[in-house]
Every structure is written in C-alpha cells, then in structure tokens.
C-alpha atoms as a PDB file:
ATOM      1  CA  LYS A   1      96.120  45.660  63.681  1.00  0.00           C
ATOM      2  CA  ARG A   2      97.290  42.136  62.981  1.00  0.00           C
ATOM      3  CA  HIS A   3     100.936  41.399  62.315  1.00  0.00           C
ATOM      4  CA  PRO A   4     101.648  38.760  59.651  1.00  0.00           C
ATOM      5  CA  GLY A   5     102.001  35.333  61.240  1.00  0.00           C
ATOM      6  CA  ARG A   6     100.632  36.416  64.620  1.00  0.00           C
ATOM      7  CA  LEU A   7      97.258  35.437  65.964  1.00  0.00           C
ATOM      8  CA  ARG A   8      94.984  37.880  67.701  1.00  0.00           C
ATOM      9  CA  PRO A   9      94.765  37.307  71.493  1.00  0.00           C
ATOM     10  CA  THR A  10      91.435  35.471  71.448  1.00  0.00           C
ATOM     11  CA  ARG A  11      92.374  33.258  68.484  1.00  0.00           C
ATOM     12  CA  ALA A  12      95.735  32.388  70.042  1.00  0.00           C
ATOM     13  CA  ARG A  13      94.012  31.227  73.230  1.00  0.00           C
ATOM     14  CA  ILE A  14      91.345  29.283  71.348  1.00  0.00           C
ATOM     15  CA  GLU A  15      94.033  27.472  69.369  1.00  0.00           C
ATOM     16  CA  GLN A  16      95.916  26.682  72.583  1.00  0.00           C
ATOM     17  CA  LEU A  17      92.727  25.405  74.243  1.00  0.00           C
ATOM     18  CA  CYS A  18      91.886  23.161  71.286  1.00  0.00           C
ATOM     19  CA  LYS A  19      95.392  21.712  71.359  1.00  0.00           C
ATOM     20  CA  ALA A  20      95.136  21.113  75.127  1.00  0.00           C
ATOM     21  CA  LEU A  21      91.856  19.219  74.632  1.00  0.00           C
ATOM     22  CA  SER A  22      93.260  16.754  72.116  1.00  0.00           C
ATOM     23  CA  PRO A  23      92.229  13.992  71.436  1.00  0.00           C
ATOM     24  CA  PHE A  24      88.730  15.313  72.189  1.00  0.00           C
ATOM     25  CA  GLY A  25      87.094  17.156  69.350  1.00  0.00           C
ATOM     26  CA  VAL A  26      86.092  20.769  69.725  1.00  0.00           C
ATOM     27  CA  LEU A  27      83.385  22.746  68.015  1.00  0.00           C
ATOM     28  CA  GLU A  28      83.934  26.455  68.275  1.00  0.00           C
ATOM     29  CA  THR A  29      81.261  29.037  67.547  1.00  0.00           C
ATOM     30  CA  ASN A  30      80.297  32.533  68.550  1.00  0.00           C
ATOM     31  CA  VAL A  31      77.016  33.215  70.294  1.00  0.00           C
ATOM     32  CA  PHE A  32      76.193  35.717  67.517  1.00  0.00           C
ATOM     33  CA  HIS A  33      76.795  34.382  64.021  1.00  0.00           C
ATOM     34  CA  GLN A  34      77.635  37.727  62.396  1.00  0.00           C
ATOM     35  CA  ARG A  35      81.372  38.321  62.117  1.00  0.00           C
ATOM     36  CA  SER A  36      82.976  41.434  63.569  1.00  0.00           C
ATOM     37  CA  TRP A  37      86.257  42.364  65.214  1.00  0.00           C
ATOM     38  CA  ARG A  38      84.380  43.644  68.254  1.00  0.00           C
ATOM     39  CA  GLU A  39      80.910  42.878  69.525  1.00  0.00           C
ATOM     40  CA  ALA A  40      80.236  46.618  69.890  1.00  0.00           C
ATOM     41  CA  GLU A  41      80.346  46.858  66.079  1.00  0.00           C
ATOM     42  CA  LEU A  42      77.299  44.590  65.741  1.00  0.00           C
ATOM     43  CA  THR A  43      73.873  46.119  65.294  1.00  0.00           C
ATOM     44  CA  ASN A  44      70.981  44.825  67.371  1.00  0.00           C
ATOM     45  CA  GLU A  45      69.763  42.986  64.261  1.00  0.00           C
ATOM     46  CA  ASP A  46      73.151  41.250  64.028  1.00  0.00           C
ATOM     47  CA  LYS A  47      72.911  39.986  67.602  1.00  0.00           C
ATOM     48  CA  THR A  48      70.897  36.897  66.810  1.00  0.00           C
ATOM     49  CA  THR A  49      71.634  33.529  68.377  1.00  0.00           C
ATOM     50  CA  GLU A  50      69.798  31.124  66.067  1.00  0.00           C
ATOM     51  CA  VAL A  51      72.950  29.331  64.916  1.00  0.00           C
ATOM     52  CA  PHE A  52      74.289  28.902  68.453  1.00  0.00           C
ATOM     53  CA  ASP A  53      70.888  27.708  69.695  1.00  0.00           C
ATOM     54  CA  PHE A  54      70.531  25.282  66.771  1.00  0.00           C
ATOM     55  CA  LEU A  55      73.978  23.773  67.352  1.00  0.00           C
ATOM     56  CA  LEU A  56      73.359  23.405  71.078  1.00  0.00           C
ATOM     57  CA  GLN A  57      70.062  21.659  70.426  1.00  0.00           C
ATOM     58  CA  LYS A  58      71.210  19.371  67.604  1.00  0.00           C
ATOM     59  CA  LEU A  59      74.685  18.437  68.823  1.00  0.00           C
ATOM     60  CA  THR A  60      73.770  17.982  72.504  1.00  0.00           C
ATOM     61  CA  PRO A  61      77.289  18.485  73.885  1.00  0.00           C
ATOM     62  CA  LYS A  62      78.119  17.039  77.282  1.00  0.00           C
ATOM     63  CA  VAL A  63      80.703  19.716  78.146  1.00  0.00           C
ATOM     64  CA  LEU A  64      80.470  23.353  77.152  1.00  0.00           C
ATOM     65  CA  PHE A  65      82.889  26.229  77.672  1.00  0.00           C
ATOM     66  CA  VAL A  66      81.333  29.665  77.246  1.00  0.00           C
ATOM     67  CA  HIS A  67      83.311  32.849  77.565  1.00  0.00           C
ATOM     68  CA  GLY A  68      82.335  36.454  77.477  1.00  0.00           C
ATOM     69  CA  ARG A  69      79.393  38.248  79.046  1.00  0.00           C
ATOM     70  CA  SER A  70      77.026  37.925  76.081  1.00  0.00           C
ATOM     71  CA  ALA A  71      77.575  34.183  75.690  1.00  0.00           C
ATOM     72  CA  VAL A  72      77.280  33.466  79.404  1.00  0.00           C
ATOM     73  CA  ASP A  73      74.199  35.669  79.799  1.00  0.00           C
ATOM     74  CA  HIS A  74      72.531  34.095  76.770  1.00  0.00           C
ATOM     75  CA  LEU A  75      73.095  30.565  78.088  1.00  0.00           C
ATOM     76  CA  ARG A  76      71.746  31.613  81.493  1.00  0.00           C
ATOM     77  CA  ARG A  77      68.565  32.959  79.857  1.00  0.00           C
ATOM     78  CA  LEU A  78      68.237  30.022  77.471  1.00  0.00           C
ATOM     79  CA  THR A  79      68.458  27.437  80.262  1.00  0.00           C
ATOM     80  CA  ASN A  80      66.940  29.551  83.030  1.00  0.00           C
ATOM     81  CA  THR A  81      69.906  28.533  85.138  1.00  0.00           C
ATOM     82  CA  ARG A  82      72.299  30.338  87.433  1.00  0.00           C
ATOM     83  CA  ILE A  83      75.647  29.584  85.808  1.00  0.00           C
ATOM     84  CA  GLU A  84      78.643  30.484  87.948  1.00  0.00           C
ATOM     85  CA  ARG A  85      81.927  31.673  86.488  1.00  0.00           C
ATOM     86  CA  GLU A  86      85.213  29.818  86.897  1.00  0.00           C
ATOM     87  CA  THR A  87      83.610  26.542  87.947  1.00  0.00           C
ATOM     88  CA  PHE A  88      81.620  23.730  86.381  1.00  0.00           C
ATOM     89  CA  THR A  89      77.845  24.044  86.623  1.00  0.00           C
ATOM     90  CA  SER A  90      75.689  21.042  85.781  1.00  0.00           C
ATOM     91  CA  ILE A  91      72.552  22.088  83.917  1.00  0.00           C
ATOM     92  CA  GLN A  92      69.742  20.596  81.874  1.00  0.00           C
ATOM     93  CA  TYR A  93      68.898  21.834  78.405  1.00  0.00           C
ATOM     94  CA  GLN A  94      65.964  20.268  76.609  1.00  0.00           C
ATOM     95  CA  GLY A  95      66.265  17.120  78.697  1.00  0.00           C
ATOM     96  CA  VAL A  96      70.007  16.747  78.164  1.00  0.00           C
ATOM     97  CA  ALA A  97      72.505  17.119  81.008  1.00  0.00           C
ATOM     98  CA  LEU A  98      75.595  19.165  80.301  1.00  0.00           C
ATOM     99  CA  ASP A  99      78.453  20.576  82.304  1.00  0.00           C
ATOM    100  CA  VAL A 100      79.166  24.232  81.648  1.00  0.00           C
ATOM    101  CA  PHE A 101      82.337  26.101  82.471  1.00  0.00           C
ATOM    102  CA  ALA A 102      81.817  29.852  82.097  1.00  0.00           C
ATOM    103  CA  GLY A 103      84.516  32.486  82.110  1.00  0.00           C
ATOM    104  CA  HIS A 104      85.486  35.955  81.089  1.00  0.00           C
ATOM    105  CA  HIS A 105      86.193  36.509  77.409  1.00  0.00           C
ATOM    106  CA  LEU A 106      89.408  34.750  76.411  1.00  0.00           C
ATOM    107  CA  SER A 107      91.030  38.002  75.344  1.00  0.00           C
ATOM    108  CA  TYR A 108      90.759  39.330  78.917  1.00  0.00           C
ATOM    109  CA  GLN A 109      92.097  37.953  82.189  1.00  0.00           C
ATOM    110  CA  TRP A 110      93.361  34.720  80.622  1.00  0.00           C
ATOM    111  CA  SER A 111      97.059  33.983  80.679  1.00  0.00           C
ATOM    112  CA  PHE A 112      98.320  31.172  78.499  1.00  0.00           C
ATOM    113  CA  ALA A 113      99.015  29.181  81.680  1.00  0.00           C
ATOM    114  CA  LYS A 114      95.400  29.633  82.786  1.00  0.00           C
ATOM    115  CA  VAL A 115      94.160  28.499  79.358  1.00  0.00           C
ATOM    116  CA  GLU A 116      96.347  25.403  79.629  1.00  0.00           C
ATOM    117  CA  GLU A 117      94.898  24.694  83.082  1.00  0.00           C
ATOM    118  CA  LEU A 118      91.370  25.123  81.713  1.00  0.00           C
ATOM    119  CA  GLY A 119      92.214  22.666  78.920  1.00  0.00           C
ATOM    120  CA  SER A 120      93.257  20.108  81.533  1.00  0.00           C
ATOM    121  CA  GLN A 121      90.066  20.658  83.510  1.00  0.00           C
ATOM    122  CA  LEU A 122      87.867  20.329  80.427  1.00  0.00           C
ATOM    123  CA  GLN A 123      89.747  17.247  79.270  1.00  0.00           C
ATOM    124  CA  ALA A 124      89.360  15.617  82.700  1.00  0.00           C
ATOM    125  CA  ARG A 125      85.632  16.375  82.648  1.00  0.00           C
ATOM    126  CA  CYS A 126      85.294  14.884  79.154  1.00  0.00           C
ATOM    127  CA  ARG A 127      87.240  11.781  80.197  1.00  0.00           C
ATOM    128  CA  SER A 128      85.059  11.262  83.276  1.00  0.00           C
ATOM    129  CA  LEU A 129      81.898  11.518  81.189  1.00  0.00           C
ATOM    130  CA  THR A 130      83.293   9.183  78.524  1.00  0.00           C
ATOM    131  CA  LYS A 131      84.378   6.668  81.181  1.00  0.00           C
ATOM    132  CA  GLY A 132      80.990   6.776  82.893  1.00  0.00           C
ATOM    133  CA  HIS A 133      79.220   6.274  79.560  1.00  0.00           C
ATOM    134  CA  ALA A 134      81.462   3.339  78.577  1.00  0.00           C
ATOM    135  CA  GLU A 135      80.703   1.543  81.882  1.00  0.00           C
ATOM    136  CA  GLN A 136      76.936   1.657  81.363  1.00  0.00           C
END
C-alpha cells in the first residue's frame, strides 16, 4: 500500500535515474502497455508489446536501459541477440546500432547508490555517442 507522498520502490528509482541522466532526455515505457501493479496480474492477452516495439522502431534510441526479465527477454527475442546483464551490449535493430544495458527489475537488487552509478554510466555512454556524432 502506498503512503501519501512516498513513491513506490520502482518509481523512486526511475525518478532518481532520470535525474542522474540530466541533461539527457529519457523516455520511459513498460514492455507491456497494460497497467498493473504487478506483472503477474496481467492476462496473456494483456502481455502485448506493440507499443514498446513501435517506440523502439520509430524513435531509434542510441542507448537503452531495460530492466526486468520480461523486458530483457523480449529485447533478446526481438533482436535475436544475446544481451548480457549488468554490462553494455552493442546490438543492431532494424539497421540501427544501439547500446543496451540490461538489469534486474529496479525494484529488486538495486540500491539507490547503484542506481546513481548506473545513471553515471548511461550518461557517459550518451556523451560518448553525442561527441562521436558531433565530430563526424
């Protein structure tokens, strides 16, 4: 149950990660577009990935953080790539190169210090890609 003014564990970590990535913009989405407090509450019909797939295709991000088994497994299947956890994996998706960092769900095994460290790693990766693009 949520206490007034307090964020749930996943939301608190997402907010911290977004703040750590500033000034880079962040788009946040679930792999399944149906809303639920827990994935186990979703029916098989609710576990569709069309929105996630559409956003990935249309927005062509250069850096992607995926967390949670379902999201990581879906991206592995979608790209036919072996994506390792806790490290960057360079992959191709529809002719576009992107760097993926995969991890456990943010509500598990993520301290706030570890989220802050991840934010620094993602920001550094974004900066290196932006710098490389600006020099071309």
